[in-house]
Structure formats: structure tokens, C-alpha cells
C-alpha atoms as a PDB file:
ATOM      1  CA  MET A   1       8.326   5.341   2.001  1.00  0.00           C
ATOM      2  CA  ARG A   2      11.282   3.736   0.030  1.00  0.00           C
ATOM      3  CA  LEU A   3      11.773   1.326   2.842  1.00  0.00           C
ATOM      4  CA  VAL A   4       8.626   0.081   2.824  1.00  0.00           C
ATOM      5  CA  LEU A   5       8.066  -0.441  -0.873  1.00  0.00           C
ATOM      6  CA  LEU A   6      11.531  -2.105  -0.408  1.00  0.00           C
ATOM      7  CA  LEU A   7       9.733  -4.749   2.084  1.00  0.00           C
ATOM      8  CA  ILE A   8       6.848  -5.409   0.244  1.00  0.00           C
ATOM      9  CA  ALA A   9       8.690  -6.256  -2.807  1.00  0.00           C
ATOM     10  CA  PHE A  10      11.129  -8.295  -0.983  1.00  0.00           C
ATOM     11  CA  PHE A  11       8.295 -10.325   0.566  1.00  0.00           C
ATOM     12  CA  VAL A  12       6.163 -10.185  -3.287  1.00  0.00           C
ATOM     13  CA  PHE A  13       9.815 -12.003  -4.418  1.00  0.00           C
ATOM     14  CA  ALA A  14      10.235 -14.157  -1.381  1.00  0.00           C
ATOM     15  CA  PHE A  15       6.787 -15.936  -1.434  1.00  0.00           C
ATOM     16  CA  ALA A  16       5.952 -16.348  -5.420  1.00  0.00           C
ATOM     17  CA  LYS A  17       6.289 -19.659  -5.390  1.00  0.00           C
ATOM     18  CA  ALA A  18       4.886 -20.210  -1.578  1.00  0.00           C
ATOM     19  CA  GLN A  19       2.214 -22.440  -1.008  1.00  0.00           C
ATOM     20  CA  THR A  20      -0.144 -20.136   0.916  1.00  0.00           C
ATOM     21  CA  TYR A  21       0.689 -16.664   1.820  1.00  0.00           C
ATOM     22  CA  GLU A  22      -0.944 -13.123   2.947  1.00  0.00           C
ATOM     23  CA  LEU A  23      -0.076  -9.337   2.275  1.00  0.00           C
ATOM     24  CA  GLY A  24      -1.983  -7.170   4.293  1.00  0.00           C
ATOM     25  CA  VAL A  25      -2.349  -3.637   6.524  1.00  0.00           C
ATOM     26  CA  TRP A  26      -1.435  -2.986  10.599  1.00  0.00           C
ATOM     27  CA  ALA A  27      -3.438  -0.253  12.212  1.00  0.00           C
ATOM     28  CA  GLY A  28      -4.274   0.812  15.889  1.00  0.00           C
ATOM     29  CA  GLY A  29      -2.542   2.423  18.724  1.00  0.00           C
ATOM     30  CA  SER A  30       0.957   2.136  20.317  1.00  0.00           C
ATOM     31  CA  ASN A  31       2.075   3.195  24.182  1.00  0.00           C
ATOM     32  CA  VAL A  32       5.308   2.774  26.161  1.00  0.00           C
ATOM     33  CA  ILE A  33       5.353   0.981  29.526  1.00  0.00           C
ATOM     34  CA  GLY A  34       8.159   3.581  31.258  1.00  0.00           C
ATOM     35  CA  ASP A  35       8.919   6.225  33.677  1.00  0.00           C
ATOM     36  CA  VAL A  36       7.056   8.732  32.093  1.00  0.00           C
ATOM     37  CA  GLY A  37       3.314   9.302  31.411  1.00  0.00           C
ATOM     38  CA  SER A  38       0.752   6.207  32.451  1.00  0.00           C
ATOM     39  CA  THR A  39       1.418   3.577  34.287  1.00  0.00           C
ATOM     40  CA  ARG A  40      -1.404   1.335  32.465  1.00  0.00           C
ATOM     41  CA  TYR A  41       0.171  -1.361  30.816  1.00  0.00           C
ATOM     42  CA  VAL A  42      -2.373  -1.272  27.664  1.00  0.00           C
ATOM     43  CA  ASN A  43      -3.170   2.508  27.204  1.00  0.00           C
ATOM     44  CA  PRO A  44      -2.807   3.679  22.852  1.00  0.00           C
ATOM     45  CA  SER A  45      -1.425   7.107  22.684  1.00  0.00           C
ATOM     46  CA  GLY A  46      -0.359   7.174  19.403  1.00  0.00           C
ATOM     47  CA  VAL A  47      -1.774   6.243  16.071  1.00  0.00           C
ATOM     48  CA  ALA A  48       0.317   3.178  14.408  1.00  0.00           C
ATOM     49  CA  ILE A  49       0.377   2.166  11.015  1.00  0.00           C
ATOM     50  CA  GLY A  50       2.091  -0.326   8.985  1.00  0.00           C
ATOM     51  CA  GLY A  51       2.151  -3.635   7.068  1.00  0.00           C
ATOM     52  CA  VAL A  52       2.298  -7.889   7.523  1.00  0.00           C
ATOM     53  CA  ALA A  53       2.898 -10.496   5.834  1.00  0.00           C
ATOM     54  CA  LYS A  54       2.646 -14.408   5.925  1.00  0.00           C
ATOM     55  CA  TRP A  55       4.053 -17.481   4.946  1.00  0.00           C
ATOM     56  CA  ASN A  56       1.352 -20.053   5.728  1.00  0.00           C
ATOM     57  CA  ARG A  57       3.824 -23.063   6.369  1.00  0.00           C
ATOM     58  CA  SER A  58       1.621 -25.541   8.737  1.00  0.00           C
ATOM     59  CA  ASN A  59      -2.402 -25.663   9.415  1.00  0.00           C
ATOM     60  CA  ARG A  60      -0.847 -24.420  12.885  1.00  0.00           C
ATOM     61  CA  HIS A  61       1.949 -21.961  11.916  1.00  0.00           C
ATOM     62  CA  SER A  62       3.505 -19.426  10.301  1.00  0.00           C
ATOM     63  CA  PHE A  63       6.209 -17.451   9.506  1.00  0.00           C
ATOM     64  CA  ARG A  64       5.697 -13.691   9.591  1.00  0.00           C
ATOM     65  CA  GLY A  65       7.029 -10.744   8.895  1.00  0.00           C
ATOM     66  CA  SER A  66       6.165  -7.083   9.794  1.00  0.00           C
ATOM     67  CA  LEU A  67       7.117  -3.467   9.783  1.00  0.00           C
ATOM     68  CA  ILE A  68       5.147  -0.631  11.110  1.00  0.00           C
ATOM     69  CA  TYR A  69       5.518   2.928  12.050  1.00  0.00           C
ATOM     70  CA  THR A  70       4.310   4.874  15.018  1.00  0.00           C
ATOM     71  CA  ARG A  71       4.969   8.368  16.713  1.00  0.00           C
ATOM     72  CA  LEU A  72       5.248   6.833  20.416  1.00  0.00           C
ATOM     73  CA  ASN A  73       5.314   9.706  23.437  1.00  0.00           C
ATOM     74  CA  GLY A  74       4.482   9.647  27.170  1.00  0.00           C
ATOM     75  CA  ASP A  75       2.710  12.877  28.703  1.00  0.00           C
ATOM     76  CA  ASP A  76       3.056  12.828  32.683  1.00  0.00           C
ATOM     77  CA  SER A  77      -0.561  15.060  32.990  1.00  0.00           C
ATOM     78  CA  LYS A  78      -2.079  12.251  31.718  1.00  0.00           C
ATOM     79  CA  SER A  79      -1.112   9.460  34.408  1.00  0.00           C
ATOM     80  CA  ASP A  80      -3.339   8.375  37.447  1.00  0.00           C
ATOM     81  CA  ASP A  81       0.599   8.932  39.447  1.00  0.00           C
ATOM     82  CA  ARG A  82      -0.051  12.070  41.748  1.00  0.00           C
ATOM     83  CA  SER A  83       4.088  12.605  41.597  1.00  0.00           C
ATOM     84  CA  ARG A  84       4.398  12.547  37.892  1.00  0.00           C
ATOM     85  CA  GLU A  85       1.353  14.652  37.304  1.00  0.00           C
ATOM     86  CA  LEU A  86       3.540  17.247  39.446  1.00  0.00           C
ATOM     87  CA  ARG A  87       6.710  16.350  37.532  1.00  0.00           C
ATOM     88  CA  GLY A  88       4.855  16.849  34.955  1.00  0.00           C
ATOM     89  CA  LEU A  89       7.360  15.395  31.683  1.00  0.00           C
ATOM     90  CA  ASP A  90       6.673  14.198  28.192  1.00  0.00           C
ATOM     91  CA  TYR A  91       7.828  13.847  24.955  1.00  0.00           C
ATOM     92  CA  GLU A  92       7.626  12.407  21.123  1.00  0.00           C
ATOM     93  CA  TYR A  93       9.366  10.932  18.498  1.00  0.00           C
ATOM     94  CA  ASN A  94       8.862   8.707  15.579  1.00  0.00           C
ATOM     95  CA  MET A  95       9.334   5.057  15.940  1.00  0.00           C
ATOM     96  CA  LEU A  96       9.668   2.319  13.162  1.00  0.00           C
ATOM     97  CA  GLU A  97       9.674  -1.083  13.624  1.00  0.00           C
ATOM     98  CA  ALA A  98      10.937  -3.814  11.477  1.00  0.00           C
ATOM     99  CA  SER A  99       9.770  -7.499  12.968  1.00  0.00           C
ATOM    100  CA  VAL A 100      10.356 -11.018  11.480  1.00  0.00           C
ATOM    101  CA  GLY A 101       9.423 -14.284  13.606  1.00  0.00           C
ATOM    102  CA  ILE A 102       6.718 -17.599  13.763  1.00  0.00           C
ATOM    103  CA  GLU A 103       2.995 -17.337  14.271  1.00  0.00           C
ATOM    104  CA  TYR A 104       0.959 -20.260  16.065  1.00  0.00           C
ATOM    105  CA  THR A 105      -2.937 -20.794  16.384  1.00  0.00           C
ATOM    106  CA  PHE A 106      -3.859 -22.302  19.115  1.00  0.00           C
ATOM    107  CA  TRP A 107      -6.625 -24.617  16.600  1.00  0.00           C
ATOM    108  CA  GLU A 108      -6.015 -25.868  13.161  1.00  0.00           C
ATOM    109  CA  TRP A 109      -6.303 -22.831  10.432  1.00  0.00           C
ATOM    110  CA  GLU A 110      -7.365 -24.379   7.188  1.00  0.00           C
ATOM    111  CA  LEU A 111      -8.308 -21.861   4.411  1.00  0.00           C
ATOM    112  CA  TYR A 112      -9.089 -23.849   1.450  1.00  0.00           C
ATOM    113  CA  SER A 113     -12.010 -26.029   3.771  1.00  0.00           C
ATOM    114  CA  GLY A 114     -14.792 -23.813   2.522  1.00  0.00           C
ATOM    115  CA  LYS A 115     -16.026 -23.308   6.393  1.00  0.00           C
ATOM    116  CA  ARG A 116     -15.282 -19.863   8.548  1.00  0.00           C
ATOM    117  CA  HIS A 117     -12.653 -20.394  10.537  1.00  0.00           C
ATOM    118  CA  ILE A 118     -11.710 -18.118  13.806  1.00  0.00           C
ATOM    119  CA  THR A 119      -8.671 -19.025  16.336  1.00  0.00           C
ATOM    120  CA  PRO A 120      -6.514 -17.701  18.999  1.00  0.00           C
ATOM    121  CA  TYR A 121      -2.947 -17.333  18.065  1.00  0.00           C
ATOM    122  CA  MET A 122       0.948 -16.359  19.582  1.00  0.00           C
ATOM    123  CA  TYR A 123       3.876 -14.421  18.106  1.00  0.00           C
ATOM    124  CA  SER A 124       7.207 -14.282  18.444  1.00  0.00           C
ATOM    125  CA  GLY A 125      10.363 -13.319  17.236  1.00  0.00           C
ATOM    126  CA  ILE A 126      13.183 -10.662  16.988  1.00  0.00           C
ATOM    127  CA  THR A 127      12.261  -6.911  16.232  1.00  0.00           C
ATOM    128  CA  ALA A 128      14.740  -4.047  15.448  1.00  0.00           C
ATOM    129  CA  PHE A 129      13.173  -0.471  15.786  1.00  0.00           C
ATOM    130  CA  SER A 130      14.528   2.985  14.965  1.00  0.00           C
ATOM    131  CA  TYR A 131      13.450   5.240  18.156  1.00  0.00           C
ATOM    132  CA  GLY A 132      14.351   8.973  19.175  1.00  0.00           C
ATOM    133  CA  GLN A 133      17.041   9.368  22.282  1.00  0.00           C
ATOM    134  CA  GLU A 134      15.474  11.696  24.888  1.00  0.00           C
ATOM    135  CA  ALA A 135      17.257  13.109  27.890  1.00  0.00           C
ATOM    136  CA  LEU A 136      16.213  16.155  30.247  1.00  0.00           C
ATOM    137  CA  ASN A 137      17.936  19.660  28.891  1.00  0.00           C
ATOM    138  CA  SER A 138      19.046  22.629  31.035  1.00  0.00           C
ATOM    139  CA  ASN A 139      15.139  23.584  31.323  1.00  0.00           C
ATOM    140  CA  GLY A 140      14.089  20.187  32.696  1.00  0.00           C
ATOM    141  CA  GLN A 141      12.031  19.073  30.066  1.00  0.00           C
ATOM    142  CA  LEU A 142      12.513  16.184  27.970  1.00  0.00           C
ATOM    143  CA  GLN A 143      14.353  16.435  24.215  1.00  0.00           C
ATOM    144  CA  GLN A 144      15.649  14.691  21.535  1.00  0.00           C
ATOM    145  CA  TYR A 145      19.093  14.630  21.425  1.00  0.00           C
ATOM    146  CA  ASP A 146      20.041  11.599  18.949  1.00  0.00           C
ATOM    147  CA  ARG A 147      18.509   8.638  17.230  1.00  0.00           C
ATOM    148  CA  ASP A 148      19.429   4.489  17.708  1.00  0.00           C
ATOM    149  CA  ILE A 149      18.517   1.393  16.764  1.00  0.00           C
ATOM    150  CA  GLU A 150      17.914  -1.391  18.974  1.00  0.00           C
ATOM    151  CA  VAL A 151      16.122  -4.969  19.410  1.00  0.00           C
ATOM    152  CA  ALA A 152      13.532  -5.991  21.302  1.00  0.00           C
ATOM    153  CA  ILE A 153      11.787  -9.719  22.048  1.00  0.00           C
ATOM    154  CA  PRO A 154       7.601  -9.149  21.217  1.00  0.00           C
ATOM    155  CA  PHE A 155       5.197 -11.206  22.914  1.00  0.00           C
ATOM    156  CA  ILE A 156       2.220 -10.629  21.072  1.00  0.00           C
ATOM    157  CA  LEU A 157      -1.278 -12.689  21.379  1.00  0.00           C
ATOM    158  CA  GLY A 158      -4.346 -12.486  19.349  1.00  0.00           C
ATOM    159  CA  VAL A 159      -7.706 -13.641  17.659  1.00  0.00           C
ATOM    160  CA  LYS A 160      -8.334 -13.873  13.810  1.00  0.00           C
ATOM    161  CA  SER A 161     -10.883 -15.344  11.030  1.00  0.00           C
ATOM    162  CA  ASN A 162     -11.161 -15.231   7.627  1.00  0.00           C
ATOM    163  CA  ILE A 163     -14.588 -12.883   7.213  1.00  0.00           C
ATOM    164  CA  THR A 164     -14.290 -13.607   3.299  1.00  0.00           C
ATOM    165  CA  GLU A 165     -12.529 -16.506   0.985  1.00  0.00           C
ATOM    166  CA  HIS A 166      -9.719 -14.012   0.610  1.00  0.00           C
ATOM    167  CA  LEU A 167      -9.985 -11.865   3.579  1.00  0.00           C
ATOM    168  CA  ILE A 168      -8.128 -12.524   6.869  1.00  0.00           C
ATOM    169  CA  LEU A 169      -9.006  -9.751   9.940  1.00  0.00           C
ATOM    170  CA  GLY A 170      -7.079 -10.186  13.151  1.00  0.00           C
ATOM    171  CA  VAL A 171      -7.053  -8.512  16.455  1.00  0.00           C
ATOM    172  CA  GLU A 172      -4.137  -8.305  18.493  1.00  0.00           C
ATOM    173  CA  ILE A 173      -2.489  -7.162  21.743  1.00  0.00           C
ATOM    174  CA  GLY A 174       1.920  -7.627  21.400  1.00  0.00           C
ATOM    175  CA  ALA A 175       4.360  -5.633  24.029  1.00  0.00           C
ATOM    176  CA  ARG A 176       7.755  -5.784  23.014  1.00  0.00           C
ATOM    177  CA  PHE A 177      10.697  -6.183  25.773  1.00  0.00           C
ATOM    178  CA  THR A 178      13.185  -3.915  24.643  1.00  0.00           C
ATOM    179  CA  PHE A 179      16.953  -3.695  25.593  1.00  0.00           C
ATOM    180  CA  THR A 180      17.180   0.093  26.491  1.00  0.00           C
ATOM    181  CA  ASP A 181      15.504   1.822  29.700  1.00  0.00           C
ATOM    182  CA  ASN A 182      15.379   5.200  27.686  1.00  0.00           C
ATOM    183  CA  LEU A 183      12.423   4.700  25.758  1.00  0.00           C
ATOM    184  CA  ASP A 184      11.191   7.835  27.951  1.00  0.00           C
ATOM    185  CA  GLY A 185      14.254   9.815  28.342  1.00  0.00           C
ATOM    186  CA  SER A 186      15.093   8.491  31.993  1.00  0.00           C
ATOM    187  CA  LYS A 187      18.765   6.711  31.684  1.00  0.00           C
ATOM    188  CA  PRO A 188      19.998   8.460  28.060  1.00  0.00           C
ATOM    189  CA  ASN A 189      22.635   6.389  26.751  1.00  0.00           C
ATOM    190  CA  GLY A 190      24.985   6.824  23.769  1.00  0.00           C
ATOM    191  CA  SER A 191      26.858  10.230  23.988  1.00  0.00           C
ATOM    192  CA  MET A 192      25.224  11.087  27.446  1.00  0.00           C
ATOM    193  CA  GLU A 193      25.614   7.506  28.612  1.00  0.00           C
ATOM    194  CA  ASP A 194      27.918   9.324  31.820  1.00  0.00           C
ATOM    195  CA  ARG A 195      25.577  11.831  32.598  1.00  0.00           C
ATOM    196  CA  THR A 196      23.921   9.996  35.550  1.00  0.00           C
ATOM    197  CA  ASP A 197      22.463  13.392  36.577  1.00  0.00           C
ATOM    198  CA  LEU A 198      20.095  13.321  34.521  1.00  0.00           C
ATOM    199  CA  GLN A 199      18.863   9.625  35.158  1.00  0.00           C
ATOM    200  CA  PHE A 200      15.607   9.500  37.202  1.00  0.00           C
ATOM    201  CA  GLY A 201      13.025   7.132  37.838  1.00  0.00           C
ATOM    202  CA  ASN A 202      13.408   3.359  38.208  1.00  0.00           C
ATOM    203  CA  ILE A 203      16.955   2.789  36.104  1.00  0.00           C
ATOM    204  CA  ASN A 204      17.014  -0.669  36.866  1.00  0.00           C
ATOM    205  CA  ASN A 205      14.141  -2.153  34.750  1.00  0.00           C
ATOM    206  CA  ASN A 206      14.625  -1.599  31.046  1.00  0.00           C
ATOM    207  CA  ASP A 207      11.424  -0.328  28.909  1.00  0.00           C
ATOM    208  CA  TRP A 208       8.781  -2.015  26.858  1.00  0.00           C
ATOM    209  CA  TYR A 209       6.695  -0.858  24.448  1.00  0.00           C
ATOM    210  CA  VAL A 210       2.502  -1.962  23.487  1.00  0.00           C
ATOM    211  CA  PHE A 211       1.193  -2.262  20.093  1.00  0.00           C
ATOM    212  CA  SER A 212      -2.712  -3.011  20.085  1.00  0.00           C
ATOM    213  CA  GLY A 213      -4.678  -2.803  16.879  1.00  0.00           C
ATOM    214  CA  LEU A 214      -6.340  -4.898  13.955  1.00  0.00           C
ATOM    215  CA  THR A 215      -4.725  -6.258  10.875  1.00  0.00           C
ATOM    216  CA  LEU A 216      -6.273  -7.359   7.182  1.00  0.00           C
ATOM    217  CA  SER A 217      -4.834  -9.764   4.806  1.00  0.00           C
ATOM    218  CA  TYR A 218      -5.608 -10.972   1.851  1.00  0.00           C
ATOM    219  CA  THR A 219      -4.598 -14.463   1.385  1.00  0.00           C
ATOM    220  CA  PHE A 220      -3.527 -15.920  -2.380  1.00  0.00           C
ATOM    221  CA  GLY A 221      -1.935 -18.913  -3.678  1.00  0.00           C
ATOM    222  CA  ARG A 222      -2.554 -22.543  -4.590  1.00  0.00           C
ATOM    223  CA  LYS A 223      -4.054 -24.854  -2.091  1.00  0.00           C
ATOM    224  CA  PRO A 224      -1.113 -25.863   0.097  1.00  0.00           C
ATOM    225  CA  CYS A 225       0.165 -29.225   0.351  1.00  0.00           C
ATOM    226  CA  TYR A 226       2.620 -28.997   3.759  1.00  0.00           C
ATOM    227  CA  CYS A 227       5.917 -30.475   4.079  1.00  0.00           C
ATOM    228  CA  ASN A 228       7.937 -31.289   7.292  1.00  0.00           C
ATOM    229  CA  PHE A 229       9.060 -27.586   8.139  1.00  0.00           C
END
């Protein structure tokens, strides 16, 4: 909770003199693309909530930051792969993600025209996340043995619209390419990195995780006079 309050305070202070900026909430679901659980790319299995802040630097791009918390999980019993169903592994742990980057709108995004706007957008940048490290225990089940911080590259596509003068609603799906293969416990690292006997699945591909959900933000600030930046 302290981390969330500090992040919000940072954005309010940093953007206090900005021309147009937004503060809002993010809510949706999460899932992992890995070696345990469903093989579907978009299959929300955990609730995800967080906050988002944007600085609209032009009518085509914004600087964006977000903080999202989820209970990440995977369960072989919910897979349509028969071999995974028979194996019967599952895991669940807390994940906290912080991300900064640039959001680009495909059409001009003019909040001060007095008209309703709707535009698709894309976002990318750099993400850091804290997650639970899992490994097979003596009973052949996944168990958390540590926590770690890793980085990822987000690829997000969405659509947003100004539903009132100050409220903006967005719908988005975003995949994060990580630099670890242990979101699902299939390739333990850290203190268990040399335990090759604990590895399973395809250990040559790193894991992805996906957030899909809604953003609702409040926009305020004086009418922009965009600079060449």
C-alpha cells in the first residue's frame, strides 16, 4: 500500500505543471503463457488491479506509467492439453508490476474539442515485476521457494474513448515478454539454478504473461499547447 501511495504522489508532483494529464484505475485479469495450465494465449485466471497515469504530450502520444497487482496462477486441470491434465501441476503467487513507456494513438486524440473521440492505441516501454519463484518439491508438486525481480517488454493494444468531459474509458490487452522461464516453475533459477532434475516442459522458450482489462481515468489540466517533444 505504501508503494502505491508513493507512486501516486510521484505522478501528481511530476505532472503538477503539465499541460494535460490523467490519473486512473486499471482492472481486469491475468494469465501466464508457459508450461503449466491453459495453452490459450488470452485466458484470464487471476484478478488484476492497479493504477495508471499519463502525460499527454501531443495529440498522438503520451508518456504513461502504471502499477498493477495480481494473483498469478496456472492449473493443469484447466488445460485442454491431455498430457497437462494428467500431470496435474498448479501454482499461485502474488505479482506486482511497474511499467513506464509511451502510448501512441493511431488517430488524433483531442480532448479539448468538445467532441466524442474514439481511437485505437498501442503501448510499449519497460516493465519490472516482482514474482514468486517456484520449483518441484519432494512430492512432485510446485512450491514457492523464493521471490525475485525481473524485467519484461510490454506489447499492449487497446481502444479508448472520452465518455464524458473528464472521464476516459479504455479496453486493452497486453502481453509481456519476460526474460525468465520460471513464471511457472519449469526452470528454477536463483538458489536452484543448477537443479536440472527439477526442469520440465520447453526450457528453451521464456515465459509471457498477459493482462487484459479496462482503464478508467480522469483528465485535467489547462488546454495544451504542444511542443516539439
